[in-house]
Each structure stands twice: as C-alpha cells, then as structure tokens.
Protein backbone atom coordinates (compact mmCIF):
# COMPACT_ATOMS: atom_id res chain seq x y z
CA UNK A 1 -155.19 -1.08 -25.70
CA UNK A 2 -154.87 1.22 -22.68
CA UNK A 3 -151.50 0.03 -21.41
CA UNK A 4 -149.72 -1.10 -24.57
CA UNK A 5 -151.21 -0.78 -28.04
CA UNK A 6 -152.29 2.85 -27.97
CA UNK A 7 -149.18 4.25 -26.19
CA UNK A 8 -146.91 2.27 -28.52
CA UNK A 9 -148.74 3.51 -31.60
CA UNK A 10 -148.17 7.10 -30.45
CA UNK A 11 -144.49 6.40 -29.73
CA UNK A 12 -144.08 4.74 -33.10
CA UNK A 13 -145.43 7.83 -34.83
CA UNK A 14 -142.95 10.03 -32.97
CA UNK A 15 -140.01 7.78 -33.86
CA UNK A 16 -140.97 7.76 -37.53
CA UNK A 17 -140.95 11.54 -37.46
CA UNK A 18 -137.44 12.14 -36.08
CA UNK A 19 -135.71 8.70 -36.18
CA UNK A 20 -134.10 9.17 -32.75
CA UNK A 21 -134.84 7.71 -29.32
CA UNK A 22 -136.11 10.28 -26.79
CA UNK A 23 -134.81 10.30 -23.25
CA UNK A 24 -132.07 8.31 -21.53
CA UNK A 25 -131.70 4.98 -19.79
CA UNK A 26 -133.21 4.64 -16.33
CA UNK A 27 -130.82 1.81 -15.51
CA UNK A 28 -127.66 3.81 -16.23
CA UNK A 29 -128.69 7.01 -14.44
CA UNK A 30 -126.89 7.41 -11.12
CA UNK A 31 -125.52 3.88 -10.97
CA UNK A 32 -122.80 3.58 -13.55
CA UNK A 33 -119.48 1.85 -13.68
CA UNK A 34 -119.25 -0.02 -10.38
CA UNK A 35 -120.64 2.77 -8.19
CA UNK A 36 -121.37 1.76 -4.59
CA UNK A 37 -124.83 0.59 -3.48
CA UNK A 38 -127.17 3.39 -2.55
CA UNK A 39 -130.50 3.34 -0.73
CA UNK A 40 -131.40 6.64 -2.36
CA UNK A 41 -130.51 5.20 -5.73
CA UNK A 42 -132.66 2.15 -5.04
CA UNK A 43 -135.65 4.28 -4.06
CA UNK A 44 -135.26 6.60 -7.02
CA UNK A 45 -134.96 3.67 -9.41
CA UNK A 46 -138.03 1.97 -7.91
CA UNK A 47 -140.17 5.10 -8.17
CA UNK A 48 -139.21 5.85 -11.76
CA UNK A 49 -139.53 2.20 -12.74
CA UNK A 50 -143.01 2.03 -11.20
CA UNK A 51 -144.03 5.12 -13.17
CA UNK A 52 -142.99 3.33 -16.36
CA UNK A 53 -144.68 -0.04 -15.75
CA UNK A 54 -147.65 0.49 -13.44
CA UNK A 55 -150.26 0.34 -16.20
CA UNK A 56 -148.89 -2.92 -17.55
CA UNK A 57 -148.66 -4.38 -14.04
CA UNK A 58 -152.31 -3.55 -13.37
CA UNK A 59 -153.30 -5.24 -16.63
CA UNK A 60 -151.13 -8.25 -15.83
CA UNK A 61 -152.72 -8.76 -12.42
CA UNK A 62 -156.24 -8.40 -13.81
CA UNK A 63 -155.57 -10.81 -16.70
CA UNK A 64 -153.86 -13.32 -14.39
CA UNK A 65 -156.79 -13.20 -11.98
CA UNK A 66 -159.24 -13.65 -14.85
CA UNK A 67 -157.35 -16.67 -16.15
CA UNK A 68 -157.21 -18.14 -12.66
CA UNK A 69 -160.83 -17.50 -11.66
CA UNK A 70 -162.85 -17.42 -14.87
CA UNK A 71 -161.22 -19.77 -17.39
CA UNK A 72 -161.97 -23.49 -17.02
CA UNK A 73 -158.75 -25.40 -16.39
CA UNK A 74 -159.44 -27.87 -19.19
CA UNK A 75 -159.65 -25.02 -21.68
CA UNK A 76 -156.38 -23.50 -20.46
CA UNK A 77 -154.64 -26.84 -20.90
CA UNK A 78 -156.25 -27.50 -24.29
CA UNK A 79 -155.41 -24.03 -25.59
CA UNK A 80 -151.70 -24.41 -24.85
CA UNK A 81 -151.22 -28.15 -25.34
CA UNK A 82 -150.77 -29.67 -28.75
CA UNK A 83 -149.08 -32.82 -29.85
CA UNK A 84 -145.84 -32.54 -31.72
CA UNK A 85 -142.29 -31.62 -30.87
CA UNK A 86 -142.80 -27.86 -30.90
CA UNK A 87 -146.59 -27.61 -30.48
CA UNK A 88 -146.78 -26.19 -26.99
CA UNK A 89 -143.96 -23.71 -27.48
CA UNK A 90 -145.43 -22.47 -30.75
CA UNK A 91 -148.83 -21.87 -29.16
CA UNK A 92 -147.36 -20.13 -26.13
CA UNK A 93 -145.04 -18.00 -28.23
CA UNK A 94 -147.76 -16.94 -30.65
CA UNK A 95 -150.09 -16.10 -27.76
CA UNK A 96 -147.42 -13.77 -26.35
CA UNK A 97 -146.97 -11.59 -29.42
CA UNK A 98 -150.05 -9.33 -29.08
CA UNK A 99 -149.59 -8.95 -25.30
CA UNK A 100 -146.24 -7.08 -25.52
CA UNK A 101 -145.55 -7.15 -21.77
CA UNK A 102 -142.16 -6.77 -20.12
CA UNK A 103 -140.83 -9.87 -18.36
CA UNK A 104 -142.02 -8.82 -14.88
CA UNK A 105 -145.53 -7.96 -16.02
CA UNK A 106 -145.71 -11.27 -17.89
CA UNK A 107 -144.70 -13.19 -14.77
CA UNK A 108 -148.10 -13.15 -12.98
CA UNK A 109 -149.85 -14.48 -16.08
CA UNK A 110 -147.16 -17.09 -16.75
CA UNK A 111 -147.31 -18.32 -13.17
CA UNK A 112 -151.10 -18.52 -13.30
CA UNK A 113 -151.01 -20.48 -16.55
CA UNK A 114 -148.57 -22.98 -15.10
CA UNK A 115 -150.56 -23.30 -11.90
CA UNK A 116 -153.62 -23.96 -14.05
CA UNK A 117 -151.93 -26.89 -15.75
CA UNK A 118 -150.46 -25.40 -18.93
CA UNK A 119 -147.31 -27.27 -20.05
CA UNK A 120 -143.95 -25.89 -18.99
CA UNK A 121 -142.77 -25.31 -22.55
CA UNK A 122 -145.89 -23.31 -23.42
CA UNK A 123 -145.61 -21.18 -20.30
CA UNK A 124 -141.92 -20.47 -20.88
CA UNK A 125 -142.59 -19.56 -24.52
CA UNK A 126 -145.29 -17.13 -23.39
CA UNK A 127 -143.00 -15.67 -20.72
CA UNK A 128 -140.01 -15.28 -23.05
CA UNK A 129 -142.02 -14.24 -26.08
CA UNK A 130 -143.73 -11.22 -24.53
CA UNK A 131 -140.57 -9.10 -24.11
CA UNK A 132 -138.30 -10.78 -26.66
CA UNK A 133 -140.60 -10.82 -29.68
CA UNK A 134 -142.56 -7.70 -28.77
CA UNK A 135 -143.58 -6.36 -32.22
CA UNK A 136 -143.55 -2.75 -31.02
CA UNK A 137 -139.97 -3.04 -29.74
CA UNK A 138 -138.90 -4.76 -32.94
CA UNK A 139 -140.40 -1.84 -34.87
CA UNK A 140 -138.60 0.65 -32.60
CA UNK A 141 -135.29 -1.15 -33.23
CA UNK A 142 -135.88 -1.12 -36.97
CA UNK A 143 -136.37 2.66 -36.87
CA UNK A 144 -133.66 3.93 -34.51
CA UNK A 145 -130.97 1.20 -34.53
CA UNK A 146 -128.79 -0.51 -37.14
CA UNK A 147 -130.49 -3.26 -39.10
CA UNK A 148 -128.11 -5.81 -37.58
CA UNK A 149 -129.68 -5.22 -34.15
CA UNK A 150 -133.16 -5.92 -35.49
CA UNK A 151 -132.00 -9.07 -37.32
CA UNK A 152 -130.14 -10.41 -34.29
CA UNK A 153 -133.05 -9.80 -31.93
CA UNK A 154 -135.52 -11.45 -34.28
CA UNK A 155 -133.44 -14.52 -35.18
CA UNK A 156 -132.08 -15.30 -31.71
CA UNK A 157 -135.42 -14.39 -30.13
CA UNK A 158 -137.25 -16.91 -32.31
CA UNK A 159 -134.71 -19.61 -31.36
CA UNK A 160 -135.08 -18.78 -27.67
CA UNK A 161 -138.87 -18.65 -27.65
CA UNK A 162 -139.65 -21.58 -29.92
CA UNK A 163 -136.58 -23.77 -29.49
CA UNK A 164 -134.98 -23.36 -26.06
CA UNK A 165 -138.34 -23.68 -24.33
CA UNK A 166 -138.84 -27.12 -25.89
CA UNK A 167 -135.45 -28.27 -24.60
CA UNK A 168 -136.17 -26.97 -21.10
CA UNK A 169 -139.59 -28.62 -21.07
CA UNK A 170 -137.99 -31.96 -21.91
CA UNK A 171 -134.97 -31.64 -19.64
CA UNK A 172 -136.84 -30.63 -16.50
CA UNK A 173 -139.29 -32.93 -14.79
CA UNK A 174 -142.83 -31.92 -15.79
CA UNK A 175 -144.88 -34.46 -13.86
CA UNK A 176 -148.34 -33.07 -13.29
CA UNK A 177 -148.42 -30.83 -16.36
CA UNK A 178 -151.88 -32.00 -17.29
CA UNK A 179 -152.74 -35.12 -15.34
CA UNK A 180 -152.71 -33.77 -11.78
CA UNK A 181 -154.22 -30.35 -12.40
CA UNK A 182 -156.95 -29.34 -9.97
CA UNK A 183 -160.17 -28.38 -11.66
CA UNK A 184 -161.38 -24.83 -11.21
CA UNK A 185 -164.32 -24.22 -8.92
CA UNK A 186 -166.56 -23.45 -11.87
CA UNK A 187 -165.92 -26.99 -13.12
CA UNK A 188 -166.41 -28.48 -9.66
CA UNK A 189 -169.98 -27.27 -9.46
CA UNK A 190 -169.78 -23.86 -7.81
CA UNK A 191 -171.27 -22.20 -10.89
CA UNK A 192 -170.66 -18.89 -12.63
CA UNK A 193 -172.63 -16.91 -10.03
CA UNK A 194 -169.58 -17.20 -7.79
CA UNK A 195 -167.24 -15.97 -10.55
CA UNK A 196 -167.01 -12.34 -9.31
CA UNK A 197 -166.05 -13.53 -5.83
CA UNK A 198 -163.45 -15.92 -7.23
CA UNK A 199 -162.02 -13.13 -9.38
CA UNK A 200 -161.73 -10.66 -6.50
CA UNK A 201 -160.17 -13.31 -4.27
CA UNK A 202 -157.64 -14.26 -6.94
CA UNK A 203 -156.79 -10.63 -7.71
CA UNK A 204 -156.24 -9.87 -4.03
CA UNK A 205 -154.03 -12.93 -3.59
CA UNK A 206 -151.88 -12.04 -6.58
CA UNK A 207 -151.55 -8.41 -5.54
CA UNK A 208 -150.70 -9.20 -1.93
CA UNK A 209 -148.14 -11.90 -2.73
CA UNK A 210 -146.45 -10.67 -5.91
CA UNK A 211 -146.40 -6.87 -5.68
CA UNK A 212 -144.51 -6.60 -2.35
CA UNK A 213 -141.79 -9.06 -3.35
CA UNK A 214 -141.61 -7.45 -6.77
CA UNK A 215 -141.06 -4.02 -5.19
CA UNK A 216 -138.41 -5.33 -2.79
CA UNK A 217 -136.37 -7.04 -5.51
CA UNK A 218 -136.67 -4.06 -7.88
CA UNK A 219 -135.45 -1.81 -5.07
CA UNK A 220 -132.48 -4.12 -4.47
CA UNK A 221 -131.60 -4.15 -8.17
CA UNK A 222 -131.83 -0.37 -8.26
CA UNK A 223 -129.63 0.02 -5.20
CA UNK A 224 -127.02 -2.37 -6.59
CA UNK A 225 -127.23 -1.41 -10.24
CA UNK A 226 -123.74 0.07 -10.23
CA UNK A 227 -122.44 -3.42 -9.48
CA UNK A 228 -125.03 -5.37 -11.46
CA UNK A 229 -124.55 -3.23 -14.55
CA UNK A 230 -120.89 -2.06 -14.51
CA UNK A 231 -120.74 -1.06 -18.17
CA UNK A 232 -119.18 2.32 -18.75
CA UNK A 233 -116.30 3.43 -20.93
CA UNK A 234 -113.73 1.26 -19.12
CA UNK A 235 -115.74 -1.92 -19.56
CA UNK A 236 -115.11 -1.90 -23.29
CA UNK A 237 -111.50 -2.94 -22.64
CA UNK A 238 -112.33 -6.19 -20.82
CA UNK A 239 -112.30 -8.23 -24.01
CA UNK A 240 -114.33 -11.42 -24.31
CA UNK A 241 -114.97 -11.38 -20.57
CA UNK A 242 -117.23 -8.39 -21.13
CA UNK A 243 -119.56 -10.46 -23.30
CA UNK A 244 -119.82 -13.19 -20.67
CA UNK A 245 -120.44 -10.65 -17.90
CA UNK A 246 -123.05 -8.90 -20.05
CA UNK A 247 -124.85 -12.18 -20.76
CA UNK A 248 -124.98 -13.13 -17.07
CA UNK A 249 -125.78 -9.75 -15.55
CA UNK A 250 -128.21 -8.88 -18.30
CA UNK A 251 -130.42 -11.72 -17.05
CA UNK A 252 -130.57 -10.13 -13.56
CA UNK A 253 -131.24 -6.43 -14.04
CA UNK A 254 -134.76 -5.20 -14.66
CA UNK A 255 -135.90 -2.69 -17.28
CA UNK A 256 -139.28 -1.50 -18.59
CA UNK A 257 -140.45 -2.37 -22.08
CA UNK A 258 -137.99 -1.09 -24.71
CA UNK A 259 -135.64 0.02 -21.92
CA UNK A 260 -132.81 -1.84 -23.60
CA UNK A 261 -132.82 0.54 -26.57
CA UNK A 262 -131.40 3.67 -24.86
CA UNK A 263 -128.93 1.46 -22.96
CA UNK A 264 -127.61 -0.09 -26.16
CA UNK A 265 -127.50 3.21 -27.99
CA UNK A 266 -125.52 4.73 -25.14
CA UNK A 267 -123.09 1.81 -24.97
CA UNK A 268 -122.62 1.87 -28.74
CA UNK A 269 -121.81 5.59 -28.59
CA UNK A 270 -119.26 4.83 -25.83
CA UNK A 271 -117.53 2.27 -28.05
CA UNK A 272 -118.91 -1.01 -26.70
CA UNK A 273 -118.26 -4.01 -28.92
CA UNK A 274 -120.81 -5.93 -30.93
CA UNK A 275 -120.54 -8.91 -28.60
CA UNK A 276 -121.67 -6.91 -25.58
CA UNK A 277 -124.44 -5.20 -27.49
CA UNK A 278 -125.72 -8.49 -28.87
CA UNK A 279 -125.71 -10.16 -25.47
CA UNK A 280 -127.64 -7.32 -23.84
CA UNK A 281 -130.02 -7.11 -26.79
CA UNK A 282 -131.47 -10.46 -25.69
CA UNK A 283 -130.77 -10.78 -21.98
CA UNK A 284 -131.93 -7.35 -20.81
CA UNK A 285 -135.56 -7.74 -21.93
CA UNK A 286 -136.00 -11.53 -21.78
CA UNK A 287 -135.87 -12.15 -18.02
CA UNK A 288 -134.79 -10.41 -14.82
CA UNK A 289 -134.18 -11.28 -11.20
CA UNK A 290 -137.54 -9.79 -10.10
CA UNK A 291 -139.46 -11.73 -12.74
CA UNK A 292 -137.69 -14.98 -11.81
CA UNK A 293 -138.57 -14.42 -8.15
CA UNK A 294 -142.21 -13.89 -9.15
CA UNK A 295 -142.51 -17.19 -11.07
CA UNK A 296 -140.30 -19.53 -9.06
CA UNK A 297 -143.16 -20.80 -6.86
CA UNK A 298 -145.16 -21.92 -9.87
CA UNK A 299 -142.40 -22.99 -12.24
CA UNK A 300 -140.06 -24.49 -9.57
CA UNK A 301 -136.50 -23.40 -8.97
CA UNK A 302 -135.16 -25.93 -11.49
CA UNK A 303 -137.27 -24.59 -14.35
CA UNK A 304 -136.57 -20.99 -13.35
CA UNK A 305 -132.82 -21.60 -13.17
CA UNK A 306 -132.92 -23.37 -16.52
CA UNK A 307 -134.82 -20.43 -17.99
CA UNK A 308 -132.22 -17.96 -16.74
CA UNK A 309 -129.42 -20.16 -18.07
CA UNK A 310 -131.09 -20.44 -21.47
CA UNK A 311 -131.44 -16.67 -21.72
CA UNK A 312 -127.78 -16.13 -20.78
CA UNK A 313 -126.74 -18.71 -23.39
CA UNK A 314 -128.95 -17.03 -25.98
CA UNK A 315 -127.25 -13.75 -25.09
CA UNK A 316 -123.84 -15.27 -25.88
CA UNK A 317 -125.20 -16.55 -29.19
CA UNK A 318 -126.65 -13.13 -29.96
CA UNK A 319 -123.29 -11.53 -29.22
CA UNK A 320 -121.67 -13.82 -31.77
CA UNK A 321 -124.40 -13.26 -34.34
CA UNK A 322 -124.18 -9.48 -34.04
CA UNK A 323 -120.38 -9.60 -34.23
CA UNK A 324 -120.59 -11.61 -37.45
CA UNK A 325 -123.21 -9.33 -38.98
CA UNK A 326 -121.27 -6.23 -38.01
C-alpha cells in the first residue's frame, strides 16, 4: 500500500484528469544517441533512479526476508507447485499481479523463492509478471498511449509470463526443485521464538549482498546509457536492425516502474517505427542487467541467460505484433 498501491492510485487520478504523461525519461536524459560514458552521468542516473525505487526496494527486501525466515519451506513449495503443464507458471504469474514491482525490486523475492524450493517456472513467472503485467502500468498505457500499445503489452506479456516460463522450466535442468530443498529452521525444531532473529539475519544478508551489487550495476548502466540505449532521431533510419538492437539492449538497461512510457512516447514523437516501440514495450520493463545479476546465484546462469533470451525474443514478437496492429 505504501510503496505501490496508494502512489499509483494518486497517479492514475492525475492521468485521468489530463490524459498526458508528466515528466520526461530518466534513461534518455544526458545519455542520448551514442554519447560517451560519463562517471557524472552514472552518478546522476543512480541517484535519481534510487529516488524513484527506494520504497519498492525496501518492501522487496522485507518481503524476501519474511519469505526466507518466516514461511515454512513446504508451504512455499506447495503454494507455487501444481501438477499440469502450466500449473506452476500460472500460480507464479497470478501471484505477481498485485505486487506490481519493477524487475529489480522483484529480484530479491524471486531469488528467495527459488532458494526456498519453488519451481523454476513459477519463480520466472513471478519475476516476469511483476513488471510486465503490472495492472497499474497497463492502466497508464490505456490512458496516455494508443490502444495498440496496451493490446501488444497485454497479449505478448501473457505469452511471456505464462508460456515462455514453462518452456524455460522444461529446457533447463531443474534438479532439486522440490526434492533437495533444505527445510527452514522453524521446521527443523528451532521454533517460532527464534523467528525475529532469523528475520533480522536474513534481512541483513539480503541487504549486504544485493544492494551493493545492485548499486554498482545500476551505476554502470547509467554511465554507459548513451551506448546501451542509442535511440535518437538517427536511429529511426537503421531499418530492421533497429528492432533487433532494441530487443537486445532493452533487456539490459534498467528503468523504474512505468519508466518505459515516457521513453516510448518520446521515441514515437521522434518518428520511431512500430517495431522498435513494440520491442521496447516488453523488454524495457521485463528484465534488466542489474536484476539478472541479482538473481543469477539462485537461478543459475543458464536459467538467467534463458530468461534474458526469452524476453528479447518476446520483444521481437511484440515489435511484429505492434507493426501489424498499427
């Protein structure tokens, strides 16, 4: 309520009143069109990005620590494991919808769920679903953007969250998903009196391991954003290569929740094609280099690489869908 629902309800009311997006894109300020790396630019980006996401990051760390320290492992596994071809992905995806986190703030919770024994497909669906099927962002798109953007995001997002995650879960080795999970201390006999200590210990571990590496990678993305996001007026003349570049680079750069909207509006005003807009519509929010760094220890590099590849592929599909609809 504090970090997401209440602020989004206020923003939604403002958008309904004037039907235009306030402010500009953090990603495209001071790092446009192949500009050289800049330490000042990296610091400025990191500071402004932290101002936008700190509440959600605090919530993510607290929730992840609570899942790790307070929820019995068997219940975590049971809640996200169901028989059937799409069972785990459906449960993980549905669980993500009310959380509405960006990909980086989802990462601590996703990693904790996987470490607790939740199936890979469920964890990926939760990780992808938070930013991709965020109901607030979908509502924002419906208000300030063409209907084709909303339709593309919804259709391709559903395929990514509930379909691609199943394929990744089957293609990547998932030995130990449920059978080798280590029971939580509360199940091993320590008792609930030790729960506060477990929670504090888990929260400290998450904060000390994830936040520093998160800050370093966000700083690097900010410093290199002129190279990682080289889309200005000249990029519209690259042809089909622009769509491929957008799909790949869109999986690397990091943005706060709904940060893709001002970027897409700006690119559309500059004449960017539907293919580029569609690709970024999916890839910008779904994953990022910082979020992949945060989950790789728990998901493994193979699963993380497959997740990034699936998002880039979904971006190419979204580019085609938006081109057809437009």
